[in-house]
All heavy atoms as atom14 arrays in JSON, in Angstrom:
{
  "sequence": "MNNLKPEDTGVYYCKADLGIYHWGQGIQVTVSP",
  "atom14_mask": [
    [1, 1, 1, 1, 1, 1, 1, 1, 0, 0, 0, 0, 0, 0],
    [1, 1, 1, 1, 1, 1, 1, 1, 0, 0, 0, 0, 0, 0],
    [1, 1, 1, 1, 1, 1, 1, 1, 0, 0, 0, 0, 0, 0],
    [1, 1, 1, 1, 1, 1, 1, 1, 0, 0, 0, 0, 0, 0],
    [1, 1, 1, 1, 1, 1, 1, 1, 1, 0, 0, 0, 0, 0],
    [1, 1, 1, 1, 1, 1, 1, 0, 0, 0, 0, 0, 0, 0],
    [1, 1, 1, 1, 1, 1, 1, 1, 1, 0, 0, 0, 0, 0],
    [1, 1, 1, 1, 1, 1, 1, 1, 0, 0, 0, 0, 0, 0],
    [1, 1, 1, 1, 1, 1, 1, 0, 0, 0, 0, 0, 0, 0],
    [1, 1, 1, 1, 0, 0, 0, 0, 0, 0, 0, 0, 0, 0],
    [1, 1, 1, 1, 1, 1, 1, 0, 0, 0, 0, 0, 0, 0],
    [1, 1, 1, 1, 1, 1, 1, 1, 1, 1, 1, 1, 0, 0],
    [1, 1, 1, 1, 1, 1, 1, 1, 1, 1, 1, 1, 0, 0],
    [1, 1, 1, 1, 1, 1, 0, 0, 0, 0, 0, 0, 0, 0],
    [1, 1, 1, 1, 1, 1, 1, 1, 1, 0, 0, 0, 0, 0],
    [1, 1, 1, 1, 1, 0, 0, 0, 0, 0, 0, 0, 0, 0],
    [1, 1, 1, 1, 1, 1, 1, 1, 0, 0, 0, 0, 0, 0],
    [1, 1, 1, 1, 1, 1, 1, 1, 0, 0, 0, 0, 0, 0],
    [1, 1, 1, 1, 0, 0, 0, 0, 0, 0, 0, 0, 0, 0],
    [1, 1, 1, 1, 1, 1, 1, 1, 0, 0, 0, 0, 0, 0],
    [1, 1, 1, 1, 1, 1, 1, 1, 1, 1, 1, 1, 0, 0],
    [1, 1, 1, 1, 1, 1, 1, 1, 1, 1, 0, 0, 0, 0],
    [1, 1, 1, 1, 1, 1, 1, 1, 1, 1, 1, 1, 1, 1],
    [1, 1, 1, 1, 0, 0, 0, 0, 0, 0, 0, 0, 0, 0],
    [1, 1, 1, 1, 1, 1, 1, 1, 1, 0, 0, 0, 0, 0],
    [1, 1, 1, 1, 0, 0, 0, 0, 0, 0, 0, 0, 0, 0],
    [1, 1, 1, 1, 1, 1, 1, 1, 0, 0, 0, 0, 0, 0],
    [1, 1, 1, 1, 1, 1, 1, 1, 1, 0, 0, 0, 0, 0],
    [1, 1, 1, 1, 1, 1, 1, 0, 0, 0, 0, 0, 0, 0],
    [1, 1, 1, 1, 1, 1, 1, 0, 0, 0, 0, 0, 0, 0],
    [1, 1, 1, 1, 1, 1, 1, 0, 0, 0, 0, 0, 0, 0],
    [1, 1, 1, 1, 1, 1, 0, 0, 0, 0, 0, 0, 0, 0],
    [1, 1, 1, 1, 1, 1, 1, 0, 0, 0, 0, 0, 0, 0]
  ],
  "atom14_positions": [
    [[3.68, 3.56, -2.77], [4.81, 3.35, -1.86], [5.94, 2.67, -2.63], [5.78, 1.54, -3.1], [4.37, 2.49, -0.67], [3.18, 3.04, 0.07], [2.77, 2.13, 1.57], [2.24, 0.56, 0.86], [0.0, 0.0, 0.0], [0.0, 0.0, 0.0], [0.0, 0.0, 0.0], [0.0, 0.0, 0.0], [0.0, 0.0, 0.0], [0.0, 0.0, 0.0]],
    [[7.04, 3.37, -2.76], [8.2, 2.86, -3.49], [9.37, 2.68, -2.54], [9.41, 3.27, -1.46], [8.57, 3.81, -4.61], [7.48, 3.98, -5.64], [6.76, 3.04, -5.97], [7.34, 5.19, -6.17], [0.0, 0.0, 0.0], [0.0, 0.0, 0.0], [0.0, 0.0, 0.0], [0.0, 0.0, 0.0], [0.0, 0.0, 0.0], [0.0, 0.0, 0.0]],
    [[10.33, 1.89, -2.98], [11.54, 1.66, -2.18], [11.18, 1.31, -0.74], [11.71, 1.88, 0.21], [12.46, 2.89, -2.22], [13.82, 2.61, -1.63], [14.26, 1.47, -1.54], [14.49, 3.67, -1.2], [0.0, 0.0, 0.0], [0.0, 0.0, 0.0], [0.0, 0.0, 0.0], [0.0, 0.0, 0.0], [0.0, 0.0, 0.0], [0.0, 0.0, 0.0]],
    [[10.3, 0.35, -0.6], [9.81, -0.02, 0.73], [10.91, -0.62, 1.58], [11.81, -1.31, 1.08], [8.64, -0.99, 0.61], [7.31, -0.32, 0.23], [6.34, -1.31, -0.37], [6.71, 0.36, 1.45], [0.0, 0.0, 0.0], [0.0, 0.0, 0.0], [0.0, 0.0, 0.0], [0.0, 0.0, 0.0], [0.0, 0.0, 0.0], [0.0, 0.0, 0.0]],
    [[10.82, -0.34, 2.87], [11.8, -0.81, 3.83], [11.1, -1.68, 4.89], [9.9, -1.52, 5.11], [12.47, 0.38, 4.51], [13.14, 1.34, 3.56], [13.7, 2.55, 4.3], [14.37, 3.51, 3.33], [14.94, 4.69, 4.04], [0.0, 0.0, 0.0], [0.0, 0.0, 0.0], [0.0, 0.0, 0.0], [0.0, 0.0, 0.0], [0.0, 0.0, 0.0]],
    [[11.84, -2.54, 5.56], [11.22, -3.36, 6.6], [10.49, -2.52, 7.65], [9.45, -2.94, 8.18], [12.4, -4.11, 7.2], [13.37, -4.23, 6.07], [13.24, -2.94, 5.32], [0.0, 0.0, 0.0], [0.0, 0.0, 0.0], [0.0, 0.0, 0.0], [0.0, 0.0, 0.0], [0.0, 0.0, 0.0], [0.0, 0.0, 0.0], [0.0, 0.0, 0.0]],
    [[11.0, -1.34, 7.94], [10.35, -0.49, 8.94], [9.04, 0.12, 8.46], [8.34, 0.78, 9.24], [11.31, 0.62, 9.4], [11.93, 1.42, 8.29], [13.32, 0.93, 7.92], [13.53, -0.32, 7.85], [14.21, 1.79, 7.7], [0.0, 0.0, 0.0], [0.0, 0.0, 0.0], [0.0, 0.0, 0.0], [0.0, 0.0, 0.0], [0.0, 0.0, 0.0]],
    [[8.69, -0.08, 7.21], [7.39, 0.34, 6.7], [6.3, -0.69, 7.01], [5.11, -0.44, 6.77], [7.42, 0.56, 5.2], [8.32, 1.71, 4.79], [8.28, 2.76, 5.46], [9.07, 1.57, 3.8], [0.0, 0.0, 0.0], [0.0, 0.0, 0.0], [0.0, 0.0, 0.0], [0.0, 0.0, 0.0], [0.0, 0.0, 0.0], [0.0, 0.0, 0.0]],
    [[6.7, -1.81, 7.54], [5.75, -2.87, 7.88], [4.76, -2.4, 8.93], [5.14, -1.73, 9.9], [6.5, -4.11, 8.4], [7.27, -4.66, 7.33], [5.54, -5.16, 8.92], [0.0, 0.0, 0.0], [0.0, 0.0, 0.0], [0.0, 0.0, 0.0], [0.0, 0.0, 0.0], [0.0, 0.0, 0.0], [0.0, 0.0, 0.0], [0.0, 0.0, 0.0]],
    [[3.51, -2.74, 8.73], [2.47, -2.38, 9.7], [1.1, -2.47, 9.08], [0.95, -2.86, 7.92], [0.0, 0.0, 0.0], [0.0, 0.0, 0.0], [0.0, 0.0, 0.0], [0.0, 0.0, 0.0], [0.0, 0.0, 0.0], [0.0, 0.0, 0.0], [0.0, 0.0, 0.0], [0.0, 0.0, 0.0], [0.0, 0.0, 0.0], [0.0, 0.0, 0.0]],
    [[0.11, -2.11, 9.88], [-1.24, -2.01, 9.39], [-1.48, -0.56, 8.98], [-1.25, 0.36, 9.79], [-2.26, -2.45, 10.45], [-3.68, -2.3, 9.9], [-2.0, -3.89, 10.87], [0.0, 0.0, 0.0], [0.0, 0.0, 0.0], [0.0, 0.0, 0.0], [0.0, 0.0, 0.0], [0.0, 0.0, 0.0], [0.0, 0.0, 0.0], [0.0, 0.0, 0.0]],
    [[-1.92, -0.39, 7.77], [-2.16, 0.95, 7.23], [-3.66, 1.24, 7.27], [-4.47, 0.43, 6.82], [-1.63, 1.04, 5.8], [-0.13, 1.18, 5.76], [0.7, 0.15, 6.17], [0.46, 2.37, 5.31], [2.08, 0.29, 6.15], [1.84, 2.52, 5.29], [2.64, 1.48, 5.71], [4.02, 1.62, 5.69], [0.0, 0.0, 0.0], [0.0, 0.0, 0.0]],
    [[-3.97, 2.42, 7.79], [-5.36, 2.83, 7.95], [-5.64, 4.09, 7.15], [-4.83, 5.03, 7.18], [-5.67, 3.13, 9.41], [-5.54, 1.96, 10.35], [-4.33, 1.68, 10.98], [-6.63, 1.14, 10.62], [-4.2, 0.62, 11.84], [-6.52, 0.07, 11.49], [-5.3, -0.19, 12.1], [-5.18, -1.25, 12.96], [0.0, 0.0, 0.0], [0.0, 0.0, 0.0]],
    [[-6.77, 4.11, 6.5], [-7.24, 5.32, 5.84], [-8.16, 6.07, 6.79], [-8.99, 5.46, 7.49], [-7.99, 4.96, 4.56], [-8.58, 6.37, 3.6], [0.0, 0.0, 0.0], [0.0, 0.0, 0.0], [0.0, 0.0, 0.0], [0.0, 0.0, 0.0], [0.0, 0.0, 0.0], [0.0, 0.0, 0.0], [0.0, 0.0, 0.0], [0.0, 0.0, 0.0]],
    [[-8.0, 7.37, 6.83], [-8.8, 8.23, 7.7], [-9.4, 9.33, 6.87], [-8.73, 9.93, 6.04], [-7.92, 8.82, 8.8], [-8.6, 9.75, 9.76], [-7.58, 10.28, 10.76], [-8.16, 11.28, 11.73], [-7.13, 11.81, 12.67], [0.0, 0.0, 0.0], [0.0, 0.0, 0.0], [0.0, 0.0, 0.0], [0.0, 0.0, 0.0], [0.0, 0.0, 0.0]],
    [[-10.67, 9.58, 7.09], [-11.36, 10.62, 6.34], [-12.03, 11.59, 7.31], [-12.63, 11.18, 8.31], [-12.4, 10.0, 5.41], [0.0, 0.0, 0.0], [0.0, 0.0, 0.0], [0.0, 0.0, 0.0], [0.0, 0.0, 0.0], [0.0, 0.0, 0.0], [0.0, 0.0, 0.0], [0.0, 0.0, 0.0], [0.0, 0.0, 0.0], [0.0, 0.0, 0.0]],
    [[-11.94, 12.85, 6.98], [-12.53, 13.91, 7.79], [-13.8, 14.4, 7.1], [-13.74, 15.07, 6.08], [-11.52, 15.05, 7.94], [-12.08, 16.22, 8.73], [-13.16, 16.09, 9.32], [-11.41, 17.27, 8.75], [0.0, 0.0, 0.0], [0.0, 0.0, 0.0], [0.0, 0.0, 0.0], [0.0, 0.0, 0.0], [0.0, 0.0, 0.0], [0.0, 0.0, 0.0]],
    [[-14.93, 14.04, 7.71], [-16.2, 14.51, 7.2], [-16.84, 15.47, 8.21], [-18.05, 15.59, 8.29], [-17.15, 13.34, 6.94], [-16.9, 12.49, 5.68], [-15.7, 11.57, 5.84], [-18.11, 11.69, 5.31], [0.0, 0.0, 0.0], [0.0, 0.0, 0.0], [0.0, 0.0, 0.0], [0.0, 0.0, 0.0], [0.0, 0.0, 0.0], [0.0, 0.0, 0.0]],
    [[-15.99, 16.14, 8.96], [-16.45, 16.9, 10.12], [-16.34, 16.04, 11.36], [-16.12, 16.53, 12.46], [0.0, 0.0, 0.0], [0.0, 0.0, 0.0], [0.0, 0.0, 0.0], [0.0, 0.0, 0.0], [0.0, 0.0, 0.0], [0.0, 0.0, 0.0], [0.0, 0.0, 0.0], [0.0, 0.0, 0.0], [0.0, 0.0, 0.0], [0.0, 0.0, 0.0]],
    [[-16.48, 14.78, 11.16], [-16.19, 13.72, 12.13], [-15.22, 12.78, 11.44], [-15.36, 12.49, 10.25], [-17.47, 12.96, 12.54], [-18.45, 13.92, 13.22], [-17.15, 11.79, 13.45], [-19.8, 13.3, 13.5], [0.0, 0.0, 0.0], [0.0, 0.0, 0.0], [0.0, 0.0, 0.0], [0.0, 0.0, 0.0], [0.0, 0.0, 0.0], [0.0, 0.0, 0.0]],
    [[-14.25, 12.28, 12.2], [-13.27, 11.39, 11.57], [-13.83, 9.98, 11.45], [-14.48, 9.47, 12.35], [-11.98, 11.35, 12.4], [-11.19, 12.63, 12.34], [-10.87, 13.33, 13.49], [-10.76, 13.15, 11.11], [-10.14, 14.5, 13.44], [-10.03, 14.33, 11.06], [-9.72, 15.0, 12.22], [-9.01, 16.16, 12.16], [0.0, 0.0, 0.0], [0.0, 0.0, 0.0]],
    [[-13.55, 9.39, 10.3], [-13.94, 8.0, 10.05], [-12.69, 7.23, 9.64], [-11.89, 7.72, 8.83], [-14.99, 7.92, 8.95], [-16.29, 8.55, 9.32], [-17.36, 7.83, 9.82], [-16.7, 9.84, 9.26], [-18.36, 8.65, 10.05], [-17.99, 9.88, 9.73], [0.0, 0.0, 0.0], [0.0, 0.0, 0.0], [0.0, 0.0, 0.0], [0.0, 0.0, 0.0]],
    [[-12.57, 6.02, 10.16], [-11.42, 5.18, 9.88], [-11.84, 3.95, 9.1], [-12.93, 3.41, 9.29], [-10.78, 4.7, 11.18], [-10.11, 5.75, 11.99], [-10.68, 6.54, 12.94], [-8.73, 6.13, 11.93], [-9.74, 7.38, 13.48], [-8.53, 7.16, 12.88], [-7.64, 5.71, 11.17], [-7.3, 7.77, 13.1], [-6.4, 6.31, 11.39], [-6.25, 7.32, 12.33]],
    [[-10.91, 3.48, 8.26], [-11.1, 2.19, 7.65], [-10.67, 1.09, 8.61], [-10.2, 1.35, 9.72], [0.0, 0.0, 0.0], [0.0, 0.0, 0.0], [0.0, 0.0, 0.0], [0.0, 0.0, 0.0], [0.0, 0.0, 0.0], [0.0, 0.0, 0.0], [0.0, 0.0, 0.0], [0.0, 0.0, 0.0], [0.0, 0.0, 0.0], [0.0, 0.0, 0.0]],
    [[-10.84, -0.16, 8.16], [-10.53, -1.31, 9.01], [-9.03, -1.59, 9.07], [-8.57, -2.3, 9.97], [-11.25, -2.55, 8.47], [-12.76, -2.48, 8.63], [-13.16, -2.44, 10.09], [-12.76, -3.26, 10.89], [-13.98, -1.45, 10.44], [0.0, 0.0, 0.0], [0.0, 0.0, 0.0], [0.0, 0.0, 0.0], [0.0, 0.0, 0.0], [0.0, 0.0, 0.0]],
    [[-8.3, -1.05, 8.14], [-6.86, -1.28, 8.12], [-6.48, -2.39, 7.16], [-7.26, -3.31, 6.9], [0.0, 0.0, 0.0], [0.0, 0.0, 0.0], [0.0, 0.0, 0.0], [0.0, 0.0, 0.0], [0.0, 0.0, 0.0], [0.0, 0.0, 0.0], [0.0, 0.0, 0.0], [0.0, 0.0, 0.0], [0.0, 0.0, 0.0], [0.0, 0.0, 0.0]],
    [[-5.27, -2.28, 6.63], [-4.78, -3.26, 5.68], [-3.3, -3.52, 5.97], [-2.55, -2.59, 6.25], [-5.02, -2.77, 4.23], [-4.8, -3.88, 3.23], [-4.2, -1.55, 3.9], [-5.38, -3.55, 1.87], [0.0, 0.0, 0.0], [0.0, 0.0, 0.0], [0.0, 0.0, 0.0], [0.0, 0.0, 0.0], [0.0, 0.0, 0.0], [0.0, 0.0, 0.0]],
    [[-2.91, -4.79, 5.91], [-1.55, -5.16, 6.28], [-0.57, -4.91, 5.14], [-0.84, -5.27, 3.98], [-1.5, -6.64, 6.67], [-0.13, -7.14, 7.08], [0.34, -6.55, 8.4], [-0.42, -6.42, 9.35], [1.62, -6.19, 8.45], [0.0, 0.0, 0.0], [0.0, 0.0, 0.0], [0.0, 0.0, 0.0], [0.0, 0.0, 0.0], [0.0, 0.0, 0.0]],
    [[0.55, -4.32, 5.5], [1.69, -4.18, 4.59], [2.9, -4.8, 5.29], [3.23, -4.44, 6.41], [1.98, -2.71, 4.26], [3.3, -2.57, 3.51], [0.84, -2.11, 3.45], [0.0, 0.0, 0.0], [0.0, 0.0, 0.0], [0.0, 0.0, 0.0], [0.0, 0.0, 0.0], [0.0, 0.0, 0.0], [0.0, 0.0, 0.0], [0.0, 0.0, 0.0]],
    [[3.52, -5.77, 4.62], [4.68, -6.45, 5.18], [5.85, -6.34, 4.22], [5.72, -6.68, 3.04], [4.38, -7.93, 5.45], [3.26, -8.03, 6.35], [5.58, -8.63, 6.08], [0.0, 0.0, 0.0], [0.0, 0.0, 0.0], [0.0, 0.0, 0.0], [0.0, 0.0, 0.0], [0.0, 0.0, 0.0], [0.0, 0.0, 0.0], [0.0, 0.0, 0.0]],
    [[6.96, -5.86, 4.73], [8.17, -5.72, 3.92], [9.26, -6.57, 4.58], [9.72, -6.27, 5.67], [8.63, -4.26, 3.82], [9.82, -4.15, 2.86], [7.49, -3.36, 3.36], [0.0, 0.0, 0.0], [0.0, 0.0, 0.0], [0.0, 0.0, 0.0], [0.0, 0.0, 0.0], [0.0, 0.0, 0.0], [0.0, 0.0, 0.0], [0.0, 0.0, 0.0]],
    [[9.63, -7.64, 3.91], [10.64, -8.54, 4.47], [11.37, -9.26, 3.35], [10.8, -9.45, 2.27], [9.99, -9.54, 5.42], [9.1, -10.38, 4.73], [0.0, 0.0, 0.0], [0.0, 0.0, 0.0], [0.0, 0.0, 0.0], [0.0, 0.0, 0.0], [0.0, 0.0, 0.0], [0.0, 0.0, 0.0], [0.0, 0.0, 0.0], [0.0, 0.0, 0.0]],
    [[12.63, -9.67, 3.61], [13.41, -10.36, 2.57], [12.79, -11.68, 2.18], [12.12, -12.33, 2.97], [14.78, -10.55, 3.24], [14.83, -9.54, 4.32], [13.41, -9.39, 4.8], [0.0, 0.0, 0.0], [0.0, 0.0, 0.0], [0.0, 0.0, 0.0], [0.0, 0.0, 0.0], [0.0, 0.0, 0.0], [0.0, 0.0, 0.0], [0.0, 0.0, 0.0]]
  ]
}
């Protein structure tokens, strides 16, 4: 992720399709001055 903006702030989740979807727990990304 380059040139990050404040609106990119959030919890980011990885999702994998193994025939059934699996999610990660999420990871925080914060973009602020």
